[in-house]
Amino acid sequence: MTDSNQGLAAHVRELFGAAITDAREYLGELTLEVRREEIIPVCTRLRDDPALAFTQLMDVCGVDYLEYGRESAAGTRSGPRFAAVYHLLSMKYNRRVRLRAWLDDEMPLIASVTGIWNSANWYEREAFDLFGIVFEGHPDLRRILTDYGFVGHAFRKDFPLIGQVEMRYDPEKQRVVYQPVSIEPRVLVPRVIREEGFAKG
């Protein structure tokens, strides 16, 4: 870990204690694992502490780890399936940090950070739409990229490649109608797992 990231990780651990479960550097950027329940106090302090000043939220995204780690001998995934990931920028100190909070498999739920950074609004709506992550306290949590009648969450790893329903314009009814998918499911690309893509240990 670089000296800059090492100092930042030490300062954050001192501030938050058990709220930070892990700190790692990847490609020169520090990733902090945050307990889901602590996301609001951690983000607030990261923004307001003059020694940190992470005043800009660059992105919030969802991650589905459904298949991650399945190449192991046991063939099972260890750990939670979903995570919410936050990318923060401190313009004052010209540095970035990534936060990752693990979520429950059955109901991926985490508090909204829209009260801390307004820019979280549409990012959280996108993660809700595509991954089904519920951001508790969001002022207007509804789909943003898919249609209102869309079934499921398209970026989940178990979402079918051909979708659930198809829509078309019906000239007789003079409106858009939904119907079951009429395409035969088929996979033309072989699945390749490369060992070097997974962290060891």
N, C-alpha and C. Protein backbone atom coordinates (compact mmCIF):
# COMPACT_ATOMS: atom_id res chain seq x y z
N MET A 1 0.85 -1.18 0.00
CA MET A 1 0.00 0.00 0.00
C MET A 1 0.89 1.24 0.00
N THR A 2 0.55 2.23 -0.81
CA THR A 2 1.34 3.46 -0.86
C THR A 2 1.27 4.20 0.48
N ASP A 3 2.25 5.06 0.72
CA ASP A 3 2.29 5.81 1.98
C ASP A 3 1.03 6.66 2.17
N SER A 4 0.60 7.30 1.07
CA SER A 4 -0.59 8.16 1.14
C SER A 4 -1.82 7.36 1.54
N ASN A 5 -2.03 6.20 0.88
CA ASN A 5 -3.19 5.37 1.20
C ASN A 5 -3.06 4.72 2.58
N GLN A 6 -1.84 4.40 2.96
CA GLN A 6 -1.62 3.80 4.27
C GLN A 6 -1.99 4.79 5.38
N GLY A 7 -1.59 6.04 5.19
CA GLY A 7 -1.93 7.08 6.16
C GLY A 7 -3.42 7.33 6.22
N LEU A 8 -4.06 7.34 5.04
CA LEU A 8 -5.51 7.54 4.98
C LEU A 8 -6.24 6.39 5.66
N ALA A 9 -5.82 5.15 5.38
CA ALA A 9 -6.44 3.97 6.00
C ALA A 9 -6.30 4.00 7.51
N ALA A 10 -5.12 4.39 8.00
CA ALA A 10 -4.89 4.45 9.45
C ALA A 10 -5.78 5.52 10.09
N HIS A 11 -5.90 6.67 9.44
CA HIS A 11 -6.73 7.74 9.98
C HIS A 11 -8.21 7.33 10.01
N VAL A 12 -8.66 6.69 8.95
CA VAL A 12 -10.06 6.25 8.86
C VAL A 12 -10.35 5.17 9.91
N ARG A 13 -9.44 4.22 10.09
CA ARG A 13 -9.63 3.18 11.10
C ARG A 13 -9.70 3.79 12.51
N GLU A 14 -8.88 4.81 12.74
CA GLU A 14 -8.89 5.49 14.04
C GLU A 14 -10.22 6.21 14.27
N LEU A 15 -10.76 6.81 13.22
CA LEU A 15 -12.03 7.54 13.33
C LEU A 15 -13.22 6.62 13.52
N PHE A 16 -13.26 5.53 12.76
CA PHE A 16 -14.47 4.71 12.68
C PHE A 16 -14.41 3.37 13.40
N GLY A 17 -13.23 2.91 13.75
CA GLY A 17 -13.11 1.66 14.49
C GLY A 17 -13.73 0.48 13.76
N ALA A 18 -14.67 -0.21 14.43
CA ALA A 18 -15.26 -1.44 13.90
C ALA A 18 -16.17 -1.22 12.71
N ALA A 19 -16.52 0.04 12.40
CA ALA A 19 -17.37 0.32 11.23
C ALA A 19 -16.63 0.00 9.93
N ILE A 20 -15.29 0.04 9.96
CA ILE A 20 -14.47 -0.32 8.80
C ILE A 20 -13.94 -1.73 9.02
N THR A 21 -14.37 -2.67 8.21
CA THR A 21 -13.98 -4.07 8.41
C THR A 21 -12.73 -4.47 7.65
N ASP A 22 -12.36 -3.68 6.62
CA ASP A 22 -11.17 -4.00 5.84
C ASP A 22 -10.74 -2.77 5.06
N ALA A 23 -9.45 -2.68 4.76
CA ALA A 23 -8.90 -1.60 3.94
C ALA A 23 -7.84 -2.21 3.03
N ARG A 24 -8.04 -2.04 1.70
CA ARG A 24 -7.09 -2.60 0.73
C ARG A 24 -6.82 -1.59 -0.38
N GLU A 25 -5.66 -1.71 -0.98
CA GLU A 25 -5.33 -0.87 -2.12
C GLU A 25 -5.41 -1.72 -3.38
N TYR A 26 -6.07 -1.17 -4.40
CA TYR A 26 -6.14 -1.86 -5.69
C TYR A 26 -5.94 -0.83 -6.79
N LEU A 27 -4.93 -1.03 -7.62
CA LEU A 27 -4.57 -0.11 -8.69
C LEU A 27 -4.41 1.32 -8.18
N GLY A 28 -3.76 1.44 -7.03
CA GLY A 28 -3.45 2.75 -6.48
C GLY A 28 -4.58 3.44 -5.75
N GLU A 29 -5.75 2.80 -5.65
CA GLU A 29 -6.89 3.41 -4.99
C GLU A 29 -7.28 2.59 -3.76
N LEU A 30 -7.58 3.29 -2.67
CA LEU A 30 -7.92 2.64 -1.41
C LEU A 30 -9.39 2.23 -1.41
N THR A 31 -9.66 0.99 -1.04
CA THR A 31 -11.03 0.50 -0.88
C THR A 31 -11.27 0.20 0.59
N LEU A 32 -12.30 0.81 1.15
CA LEU A 32 -12.69 0.59 2.53
C LEU A 32 -13.97 -0.22 2.57
N GLU A 33 -13.96 -1.32 3.32
CA GLU A 33 -15.18 -2.11 3.50
C GLU A 33 -15.90 -1.55 4.73
N VAL A 34 -17.14 -1.12 4.52
CA VAL A 34 -17.92 -0.44 5.55
C VAL A 34 -19.09 -1.33 5.94
N ARG A 35 -19.35 -1.43 7.25
CA ARG A 35 -20.53 -2.15 7.70
C ARG A 35 -21.77 -1.42 7.18
N ARG A 36 -22.70 -2.18 6.63
CA ARG A 36 -23.90 -1.62 6.01
C ARG A 36 -24.63 -0.65 6.94
N GLU A 37 -24.72 -1.01 8.21
CA GLU A 37 -25.46 -0.20 9.18
C GLU A 37 -24.78 1.13 9.47
N GLU A 38 -23.51 1.25 9.12
CA GLU A 38 -22.72 2.44 9.46
C GLU A 38 -22.49 3.37 8.26
N ILE A 39 -23.15 3.12 7.14
CA ILE A 39 -22.84 3.88 5.93
C ILE A 39 -23.11 5.38 6.09
N ILE A 40 -24.18 5.76 6.79
CA ILE A 40 -24.50 7.20 6.93
C ILE A 40 -23.47 7.92 7.80
N PRO A 41 -23.16 7.44 9.02
CA PRO A 41 -22.15 8.16 9.81
C PRO A 41 -20.77 8.17 9.16
N VAL A 42 -20.40 7.09 8.49
CA VAL A 42 -19.08 7.03 7.83
C VAL A 42 -19.02 8.05 6.70
N CYS A 43 -20.04 8.06 5.83
CA CYS A 43 -20.05 8.99 4.70
C CYS A 43 -20.11 10.44 5.17
N THR A 44 -20.89 10.70 6.20
CA THR A 44 -20.99 12.06 6.72
C THR A 44 -19.64 12.55 7.23
N ARG A 45 -18.95 11.70 7.96
CA ARG A 45 -17.64 12.09 8.51
C ARG A 45 -16.59 12.21 7.42
N LEU A 46 -16.65 11.34 6.40
CA LEU A 46 -15.71 11.44 5.29
C LEU A 46 -15.88 12.76 4.55
N ARG A 47 -17.11 13.23 4.47
CA ARG A 47 -17.37 14.52 3.82
C ARG A 47 -16.96 15.70 4.71
N ASP A 48 -17.29 15.65 6.00
CA ASP A 48 -17.17 16.81 6.88
C ASP A 48 -15.83 16.96 7.59
N ASP A 49 -15.09 15.87 7.75
CA ASP A 49 -13.80 15.96 8.45
C ASP A 49 -12.82 16.77 7.59
N PRO A 50 -12.27 17.88 8.13
CA PRO A 50 -11.37 18.72 7.33
C PRO A 50 -10.11 17.98 6.86
N ALA A 51 -9.71 16.93 7.56
CA ALA A 51 -8.53 16.18 7.15
C ALA A 51 -8.84 15.19 6.02
N LEU A 52 -10.13 14.99 5.71
CA LEU A 52 -10.55 14.06 4.65
C LEU A 52 -11.18 14.82 3.49
N ALA A 53 -12.26 15.55 3.74
CA ALA A 53 -12.92 16.44 2.77
C ALA A 53 -13.32 15.73 1.48
N PHE A 54 -13.97 14.55 1.61
CA PHE A 54 -14.50 13.87 0.42
C PHE A 54 -15.86 14.49 0.10
N THR A 55 -15.81 15.65 -0.53
CA THR A 55 -17.02 16.43 -0.77
C THR A 55 -17.77 16.02 -2.04
N GLN A 56 -17.15 15.19 -2.86
CA GLN A 56 -17.76 14.83 -4.14
C GLN A 56 -18.02 13.32 -4.20
N LEU A 57 -19.28 12.96 -4.45
CA LEU A 57 -19.63 11.56 -4.72
C LEU A 57 -19.62 11.38 -6.22
N MET A 58 -18.72 10.56 -6.72
CA MET A 58 -18.56 10.37 -8.16
C MET A 58 -19.50 9.31 -8.72
N ASP A 59 -19.82 8.30 -7.89
CA ASP A 59 -20.64 7.20 -8.40
C ASP A 59 -21.13 6.34 -7.24
N VAL A 60 -22.30 5.75 -7.44
CA VAL A 60 -22.80 4.67 -6.58
C VAL A 60 -23.21 3.57 -7.55
N CYS A 61 -22.76 2.37 -7.32
CA CYS A 61 -23.15 1.28 -8.21
C CYS A 61 -23.40 0.01 -7.40
N GLY A 62 -24.10 -0.90 -8.00
CA GLY A 62 -24.33 -2.21 -7.41
C GLY A 62 -23.40 -3.22 -8.02
N VAL A 63 -23.12 -4.29 -7.29
CA VAL A 63 -22.31 -5.40 -7.79
C VAL A 63 -22.99 -6.70 -7.37
N ASP A 64 -23.07 -7.62 -8.31
CA ASP A 64 -23.62 -8.95 -8.05
C ASP A 64 -22.48 -9.96 -8.11
N TYR A 65 -22.15 -10.56 -6.97
CA TYR A 65 -21.05 -11.52 -6.88
C TYR A 65 -21.55 -12.96 -6.97
N LEU A 66 -22.65 -13.20 -7.67
CA LEU A 66 -23.26 -14.53 -7.72
C LEU A 66 -22.28 -15.62 -8.13
N GLU A 67 -21.52 -15.40 -9.18
CA GLU A 67 -20.60 -16.42 -9.69
C GLU A 67 -19.17 -16.25 -9.18
N TYR A 68 -18.88 -15.17 -8.49
CA TYR A 68 -17.51 -14.89 -8.07
C TYR A 68 -17.02 -15.96 -7.08
N GLY A 69 -15.88 -16.54 -7.38
CA GLY A 69 -15.29 -17.53 -6.49
C GLY A 69 -15.81 -18.94 -6.69
N ARG A 70 -16.68 -19.17 -7.66
CA ARG A 70 -17.25 -20.51 -7.86
C ARG A 70 -16.27 -21.50 -8.45
N GLU A 71 -15.12 -21.00 -8.94
CA GLU A 71 -14.13 -21.92 -9.52
C GLU A 71 -13.35 -22.65 -8.44
N SER A 72 -13.65 -22.37 -7.18
CA SER A 72 -12.94 -23.03 -6.09
C SER A 72 -13.32 -24.51 -6.02
N ALA A 73 -12.56 -25.26 -5.26
CA ALA A 73 -12.80 -26.72 -5.14
C ALA A 73 -14.20 -27.01 -4.63
N ALA A 74 -14.68 -26.20 -3.70
CA ALA A 74 -16.01 -26.42 -3.13
C ALA A 74 -17.11 -26.05 -4.13
N GLY A 75 -16.79 -25.13 -5.07
CA GLY A 75 -17.76 -24.73 -6.07
C GLY A 75 -18.86 -23.83 -5.54
N THR A 76 -18.65 -23.23 -4.37
CA THR A 76 -19.67 -22.35 -3.80
C THR A 76 -19.08 -20.97 -3.56
N ARG A 77 -19.93 -19.99 -3.59
CA ARG A 77 -19.53 -18.61 -3.32
C ARG A 77 -19.43 -18.41 -1.82
N SER A 78 -18.38 -17.76 -1.39
CA SER A 78 -18.27 -17.43 0.03
C SER A 78 -18.58 -15.96 0.21
N GLY A 79 -19.40 -15.64 1.17
CA GLY A 79 -19.76 -14.26 1.43
C GLY A 79 -21.04 -13.85 0.76
N PRO A 80 -21.48 -12.60 1.02
CA PRO A 80 -22.75 -12.11 0.48
C PRO A 80 -22.71 -11.98 -1.04
N ARG A 81 -23.89 -11.94 -1.62
CA ARG A 81 -24.01 -11.85 -3.08
C ARG A 81 -23.91 -10.41 -3.58
N PHE A 82 -24.55 -9.47 -2.89
CA PHE A 82 -24.65 -8.10 -3.38
C PHE A 82 -23.80 -7.14 -2.56
N ALA A 83 -23.34 -6.08 -3.24
CA ALA A 83 -22.63 -4.99 -2.57
C ALA A 83 -23.02 -3.67 -3.21
N ALA A 84 -23.03 -2.62 -2.39
CA ALA A 84 -23.16 -1.25 -2.91
C ALA A 84 -21.77 -0.63 -2.82
N VAL A 85 -21.35 0.01 -3.92
CA VAL A 85 -20.00 0.57 -4.00
C VAL A 85 -20.10 2.07 -4.27
N TYR A 86 -19.33 2.84 -3.49
CA TYR A 86 -19.34 4.30 -3.56
C TYR A 86 -17.95 4.78 -3.93
N HIS A 87 -17.86 5.71 -4.90
CA HIS A 87 -16.58 6.29 -5.29
C HIS A 87 -16.59 7.77 -4.89
N LEU A 88 -15.65 8.14 -4.02
CA LEU A 88 -15.60 9.49 -3.48
C LEU A 88 -14.32 10.20 -3.93
N LEU A 89 -14.44 11.53 -4.06
CA LEU A 89 -13.30 12.36 -4.46
C LEU A 89 -13.14 13.52 -3.49
N SER A 90 -11.91 13.71 -3.05
CA SER A 90 -11.56 14.89 -2.26
C SER A 90 -10.83 15.85 -3.19
N MET A 91 -11.53 16.91 -3.59
CA MET A 91 -10.89 17.89 -4.49
C MET A 91 -9.82 18.67 -3.73
N LYS A 92 -10.02 18.85 -2.44
CA LYS A 92 -9.05 19.61 -1.63
C LYS A 92 -7.69 18.91 -1.59
N TYR A 93 -7.70 17.57 -1.44
CA TYR A 93 -6.45 16.81 -1.33
C TYR A 93 -6.14 16.00 -2.58
N ASN A 94 -6.98 16.11 -3.62
CA ASN A 94 -6.79 15.41 -4.87
C ASN A 94 -6.56 13.91 -4.65
N ARG A 95 -7.51 13.27 -3.95
CA ARG A 95 -7.41 11.83 -3.76
C ARG A 95 -8.80 11.21 -3.78
N ARG A 96 -8.80 9.92 -4.03
CA ARG A 96 -10.05 9.17 -4.17
C ARG A 96 -10.09 8.04 -3.16
N VAL A 97 -11.30 7.61 -2.85
CA VAL A 97 -11.47 6.44 -2.01
C VAL A 97 -12.73 5.71 -2.48
N ARG A 98 -12.70 4.42 -2.35
CA ARG A 98 -13.85 3.58 -2.71
C ARG A 98 -14.38 2.93 -1.44
N LEU A 99 -15.71 2.97 -1.27
CA LEU A 99 -16.36 2.29 -0.15
C LEU A 99 -17.16 1.12 -0.70
N ARG A 100 -17.11 0.00 0.01
CA ARG A 100 -17.95 -1.14 -0.37
C ARG A 100 -18.69 -1.63 0.87
N ALA A 101 -20.01 -1.76 0.72
CA ALA A 101 -20.84 -2.27 1.81
C ALA A 101 -21.55 -3.52 1.33
N TRP A 102 -21.36 -4.63 2.05
CA TRP A 102 -22.02 -5.89 1.70
C TRP A 102 -23.48 -5.85 2.13
N LEU A 103 -24.35 -6.45 1.32
CA LEU A 103 -25.79 -6.42 1.56
C LEU A 103 -26.34 -7.83 1.69
N ASP A 104 -27.54 -7.94 2.26
CA ASP A 104 -28.19 -9.24 2.40
C ASP A 104 -28.59 -9.79 1.03
N ASP A 105 -28.51 -11.11 0.88
CA ASP A 105 -28.86 -11.74 -0.39
C ASP A 105 -30.34 -11.62 -0.72
N GLU A 106 -31.19 -11.90 0.26
CA GLU A 106 -32.63 -11.92 0.01
C GLU A 106 -33.21 -10.53 -0.18
N MET A 107 -32.79 -9.58 0.63
CA MET A 107 -33.28 -8.20 0.52
C MET A 107 -32.09 -7.26 0.62
N PRO A 108 -31.46 -6.95 -0.53
CA PRO A 108 -30.32 -6.03 -0.50
C PRO A 108 -30.79 -4.61 -0.17
N LEU A 109 -30.54 -4.19 1.06
CA LEU A 109 -31.07 -2.93 1.58
C LEU A 109 -29.96 -2.15 2.25
N ILE A 110 -29.92 -0.84 1.98
CA ILE A 110 -28.94 0.04 2.62
C ILE A 110 -29.54 1.44 2.66
N ALA A 111 -29.09 2.26 3.60
CA ALA A 111 -29.60 3.62 3.72
C ALA A 111 -29.14 4.47 2.54
N SER A 112 -30.00 5.36 2.10
CA SER A 112 -29.68 6.29 1.02
C SER A 112 -28.72 7.37 1.51
N VAL A 113 -27.77 7.75 0.67
CA VAL A 113 -26.85 8.83 1.01
C VAL A 113 -27.22 10.14 0.30
N THR A 114 -28.46 10.23 -0.20
CA THR A 114 -28.89 11.46 -0.89
C THR A 114 -28.88 12.66 0.04
N GLY A 115 -29.05 12.46 1.34
CA GLY A 115 -28.98 13.56 2.29
C GLY A 115 -27.56 14.07 2.51
N ILE A 116 -26.57 13.30 2.07
CA ILE A 116 -25.17 13.70 2.21
C ILE A 116 -24.65 14.30 0.91
N TRP A 117 -24.93 13.61 -0.19
CA TRP A 117 -24.57 14.10 -1.52
C TRP A 117 -25.81 14.03 -2.42
N ASN A 118 -26.25 15.16 -2.95
CA ASN A 118 -27.40 15.17 -3.85
C ASN A 118 -27.19 14.31 -5.08
N SER A 119 -25.95 14.20 -5.53
CA SER A 119 -25.66 13.44 -6.75
C SER A 119 -25.99 11.96 -6.62
N ALA A 120 -26.22 11.48 -5.40
CA ALA A 120 -26.55 10.06 -5.20
C ALA A 120 -27.93 9.71 -5.75
N ASN A 121 -28.79 10.68 -5.96
CA ASN A 121 -30.17 10.43 -6.34
C ASN A 121 -30.30 9.48 -7.53
N TRP A 122 -29.78 9.89 -8.67
CA TRP A 122 -29.95 9.06 -9.87
C TRP A 122 -29.05 7.83 -9.83
N TYR A 123 -27.88 7.91 -9.19
CA TYR A 123 -27.03 6.72 -9.06
C TYR A 123 -27.76 5.62 -8.30
N GLU A 124 -28.41 5.99 -7.20
CA GLU A 124 -29.12 4.99 -6.40
C GLU A 124 -30.33 4.44 -7.16
N ARG A 125 -31.01 5.30 -7.91
CA ARG A 125 -32.12 4.81 -8.72
C ARG A 125 -31.65 3.80 -9.76
N GLU A 126 -30.49 4.03 -10.35
CA GLU A 126 -29.94 3.10 -11.33
C GLU A 126 -29.60 1.76 -10.68
N ALA A 127 -28.97 1.79 -9.51
CA ALA A 127 -28.63 0.55 -8.81
C ALA A 127 -29.89 -0.20 -8.38
N PHE A 128 -30.93 0.53 -8.01
CA PHE A 128 -32.21 -0.09 -7.68
C PHE A 128 -32.82 -0.75 -8.92
N ASP A 129 -32.83 -0.03 -10.02
CA ASP A 129 -33.43 -0.53 -11.26
C ASP A 129 -32.72 -1.77 -11.76
N LEU A 130 -31.40 -1.75 -11.83
CA LEU A 130 -30.64 -2.81 -12.49
C LEU A 130 -30.23 -3.95 -11.57
N PHE A 131 -30.11 -3.70 -10.25
CA PHE A 131 -29.69 -4.75 -9.32
C PHE A 131 -30.73 -5.07 -8.26
N GLY A 132 -31.74 -4.23 -8.09
CA GLY A 132 -32.75 -4.47 -7.07
C GLY A 132 -32.30 -4.08 -5.68
N ILE A 133 -31.28 -3.22 -5.58
CA ILE A 133 -30.82 -2.75 -4.27
C ILE A 133 -31.76 -1.64 -3.80
N VAL A 134 -32.30 -1.78 -2.61
CA VAL A 134 -33.24 -0.81 -2.06
C VAL A 134 -32.47 0.18 -1.19
N PHE A 135 -32.58 1.47 -1.52
CA PHE A 135 -31.91 2.52 -0.76
C PHE A 135 -32.95 3.17 0.14
N GLU A 136 -32.93 2.77 1.40
CA GLU A 136 -33.93 3.22 2.37
C GLU A 136 -33.80 4.72 2.62
N GLY A 137 -34.92 5.44 2.50
CA GLY A 137 -34.92 6.87 2.71
C GLY A 137 -34.71 7.68 1.44
N HIS A 138 -34.58 7.01 0.30
CA HIS A 138 -34.44 7.73 -0.97
C HIS A 138 -35.74 8.49 -1.26
N PRO A 139 -35.66 9.74 -1.72
CA PRO A 139 -36.88 10.53 -1.90
C PRO A 139 -37.78 10.08 -3.05
N ASP A 140 -37.25 9.33 -4.02
CA ASP A 140 -38.05 8.96 -5.19
C ASP A 140 -37.48 7.70 -5.84
N LEU A 141 -37.47 6.61 -5.10
CA LEU A 141 -36.82 5.39 -5.58
C LEU A 141 -37.75 4.65 -6.55
N ARG A 142 -37.50 4.86 -7.84
CA ARG A 142 -38.25 4.17 -8.89
C ARG A 142 -37.30 3.92 -10.05
N ARG A 143 -37.76 3.11 -10.99
CA ARG A 143 -36.91 2.76 -12.13
C ARG A 143 -36.49 4.01 -12.90
N ILE A 144 -35.28 3.95 -13.48
CA ILE A 144 -34.77 5.11 -14.21
C ILE A 144 -34.34 4.75 -15.63
N LEU A 145 -33.94 3.49 -15.87
CA LEU A 145 -33.47 3.09 -17.20
C LEU A 145 -34.41 2.12 -17.91
N THR A 146 -35.13 1.32 -17.17
CA THR A 146 -36.04 0.36 -17.79
C THR A 146 -37.48 0.87 -17.69
N ASP A 147 -38.36 0.22 -18.42
CA ASP A 147 -39.76 0.62 -18.47
C ASP A 147 -40.45 0.32 -17.13
N TYR A 148 -41.52 1.04 -16.84
CA TYR A 148 -42.25 0.84 -15.58
C TYR A 148 -42.76 -0.58 -15.43
N GLY A 149 -43.12 -1.22 -16.54
CA GLY A 149 -43.63 -2.59 -16.48
C GLY A 149 -42.56 -3.66 -16.54
N PHE A 150 -41.29 -3.26 -16.52
CA PHE A 150 -40.18 -4.21 -16.64
C PHE A 150 -40.18 -5.17 -15.45
N VAL A 151 -39.96 -6.45 -15.75
CA VAL A 151 -39.95 -7.47 -14.70
C VAL A 151 -38.52 -7.87 -14.39
N GLY A 152 -38.12 -7.78 -13.13
CA GLY A 152 -36.78 -8.21 -12.72
C GLY A 152 -35.78 -7.07 -12.74
N HIS A 153 -34.50 -7.46 -12.60
CA HIS A 153 -33.40 -6.50 -12.54
C HIS A 153 -32.31 -6.98 -13.50
N ALA A 154 -32.12 -6.25 -14.58
CA ALA A 154 -31.38 -6.74 -15.74
C ALA A 154 -29.89 -6.98 -15.52
N PHE A 155 -29.26 -6.37 -14.50
CA PHE A 155 -27.83 -6.59 -14.29
C PHE A 155 -27.53 -7.69 -13.27
N ARG A 156 -28.56 -8.32 -12.76
CA ARG A 156 -28.30 -9.47 -11.89
C ARG A 156 -27.79 -10.62 -12.75
N LYS A 157 -26.84 -11.38 -12.20
CA LYS A 157 -26.21 -12.44 -12.98
C LYS A 157 -27.17 -13.56 -13.37
N ASP A 158 -28.27 -13.71 -12.62
CA ASP A 158 -29.21 -14.77 -12.96
C ASP A 158 -30.36 -14.28 -13.84
N PHE A 159 -30.30 -13.02 -14.30
CA PHE A 159 -31.34 -12.51 -15.19
C PHE A 159 -31.14 -13.15 -16.57
N PRO A 160 -32.21 -13.69 -17.18
CA PRO A 160 -32.04 -14.36 -18.48
C PRO A 160 -31.59 -13.38 -19.57
N LEU A 161 -30.70 -13.85 -20.45
CA LEU A 161 -30.15 -13.00 -21.49
C LEU A 161 -31.21 -12.47 -22.44
N ILE A 162 -32.30 -13.21 -22.61
CA ILE A 162 -33.35 -12.76 -23.53
C ILE A 162 -34.45 -12.00 -22.81
N GLY A 163 -34.34 -11.81 -21.51
CA GLY A 163 -35.34 -11.07 -20.76
C GLY A 163 -36.51 -11.94 -20.34
N GLN A 164 -37.53 -11.30 -19.79
CA GLN A 164 -38.71 -12.00 -19.28
C GLN A 164 -39.90 -11.83 -20.22
N VAL A 165 -40.07 -10.61 -20.71
CA VAL A 165 -41.18 -10.30 -21.62
C VAL A 165 -40.64 -9.46 -22.76
N GLU A 166 -41.41 -9.41 -23.85
CA GLU A 166 -41.07 -8.49 -24.93
C GLU A 166 -42.26 -7.57 -25.17
N MET A 167 -41.98 -6.40 -25.67
CA MET A 167 -43.06 -5.47 -25.92
C MET A 167 -43.06 -5.09 -27.39
N ARG A 168 -44.23 -4.75 -27.87
CA ARG A 168 -44.37 -4.32 -29.26
C ARG A 168 -45.58 -3.41 -29.36
N TYR A 169 -45.61 -2.66 -30.44
CA TYR A 169 -46.76 -1.79 -30.66
C TYR A 169 -47.84 -2.59 -31.38
N ASP A 170 -49.06 -2.59 -30.84
CA ASP A 170 -50.19 -3.29 -31.43
C ASP A 170 -51.04 -2.25 -32.17
N PRO A 171 -51.06 -2.33 -33.54
CA PRO A 171 -51.82 -1.33 -34.30
C PRO A 171 -53.33 -1.40 -34.06
N GLU A 172 -53.84 -2.58 -33.73
CA GLU A 172 -55.28 -2.71 -33.48
C GLU A 172 -55.67 -2.03 -32.16
N LYS A 173 -54.85 -2.27 -31.10
CA LYS A 173 -55.13 -1.66 -29.79
C LYS A 173 -54.59 -0.23 -29.71
N GLN A 174 -53.73 0.12 -30.67
CA GLN A 174 -53.10 1.43 -30.74
C GLN A 174 -52.35 1.78 -29.45
N ARG A 175 -51.61 0.79 -28.97
CA ARG A 175 -50.79 1.00 -27.78
C ARG A 175 -49.72 -0.09 -27.71
N VAL A 176 -48.77 0.10 -26.80
CA VAL A 176 -47.73 -0.90 -26.58
C VAL A 176 -48.30 -2.03 -25.74
N VAL A 177 -48.00 -3.28 -26.12
CA VAL A 177 -48.47 -4.44 -25.36
C VAL A 177 -47.27 -5.29 -24.99
N TYR A 178 -47.42 -6.02 -23.87
CA TYR A 178 -46.39 -6.95 -23.41
C TYR A 178 -46.84 -8.36 -23.69
N GLN A 179 -45.88 -9.22 -24.03
CA GLN A 179 -46.20 -10.62 -24.27
C GLN A 179 -44.99 -11.46 -23.86
N PRO A 180 -45.20 -12.78 -23.65
CA PRO A 180 -44.05 -13.62 -23.30
C PRO A 180 -42.99 -13.60 -24.40
N VAL A 181 -41.75 -13.82 -24.02
CA VAL A 181 -40.65 -13.82 -24.98
C VAL A 181 -40.85 -14.92 -25.99
N SER A 182 -40.70 -14.58 -27.26
CA SER A 182 -40.91 -15.57 -28.33
C SER A 182 -39.61 -16.12 -28.90
N ILE A 183 -38.47 -15.66 -28.39
CA ILE A 183 -37.17 -16.11 -28.90
C ILE A 183 -36.74 -17.36 -28.14
N GLU A 184 -36.20 -18.34 -28.86
CA GLU A 184 -35.66 -19.55 -28.23
C GLU A 184 -34.36 -19.21 -27.51
N PRO A 185 -34.22 -19.56 -26.23
CA PRO A 185 -32.96 -19.26 -25.54
C PRO A 185 -31.82 -20.12 -26.06
N ARG A 186 -30.68 -19.50 -26.35
CA ARG A 186 -29.50 -20.25 -26.78
C ARG A 186 -28.25 -19.45 -26.41
N VAL A 187 -27.19 -20.16 -26.14
CA VAL A 187 -25.92 -19.54 -25.78
C VAL A 187 -24.92 -19.89 -26.86
N LEU A 188 -24.34 -18.87 -27.50
CA LEU A 188 -23.40 -19.09 -28.59
C LEU A 188 -21.95 -18.87 -28.17
N VAL A 189 -21.75 -18.28 -26.99
CA VAL A 189 -20.40 -17.96 -26.54
C VAL A 189 -20.01 -18.92 -25.41
N PRO A 190 -18.88 -19.62 -25.54
CA PRO A 190 -18.46 -20.52 -24.45
C PRO A 190 -18.05 -19.72 -23.23
N ARG A 191 -18.28 -20.28 -22.06
CA ARG A 191 -17.90 -19.63 -20.81
C ARG A 191 -16.45 -19.98 -20.49
N VAL A 192 -15.65 -18.95 -20.25
CA VAL A 192 -14.22 -19.13 -19.97
C VAL A 192 -13.93 -18.51 -18.61
N ILE A 193 -13.29 -19.28 -17.73
CA ILE A 193 -12.86 -18.76 -16.44
C ILE A 193 -11.34 -18.76 -16.42
N ARG A 194 -10.78 -17.60 -16.16
CA ARG A 194 -9.33 -17.48 -16.12
C ARG A 194 -8.88 -17.34 -14.68
N GLU A 195 -7.87 -18.10 -14.31
CA GLU A 195 -7.38 -18.11 -12.93
C GLU A 195 -6.83 -16.74 -12.50
N GLU A 196 -6.16 -16.02 -13.44
CA GLU A 196 -5.50 -14.78 -13.02
C GLU A 196 -6.47 -13.67 -12.67
N GLY A 197 -7.76 -13.84 -12.97
CA GLY A 197 -8.75 -12.81 -12.68
C GLY A 197 -9.22 -12.78 -11.25
N PHE A 198 -8.83 -13.75 -10.44
CA PHE A 198 -9.34 -13.84 -9.07
C PHE A 198 -8.21 -13.69 -8.07
N ALA A 199 -8.49 -12.92 -7.04
CA ALA A 199 -7.49 -12.70 -5.98
C ALA A 199 -7.34 -13.98 -5.16
N LYS A 200 -6.16 -14.30 -4.80
CA LYS A 200 -5.90 -15.49 -3.98
C LYS A 200 -5.97 -15.13 -2.51
N GLY A 201 -6.41 -16.10 -1.71
CA GLY A 201 -6.34 -15.91 -0.27
C GLY A 201 -7.62 -15.52 0.32
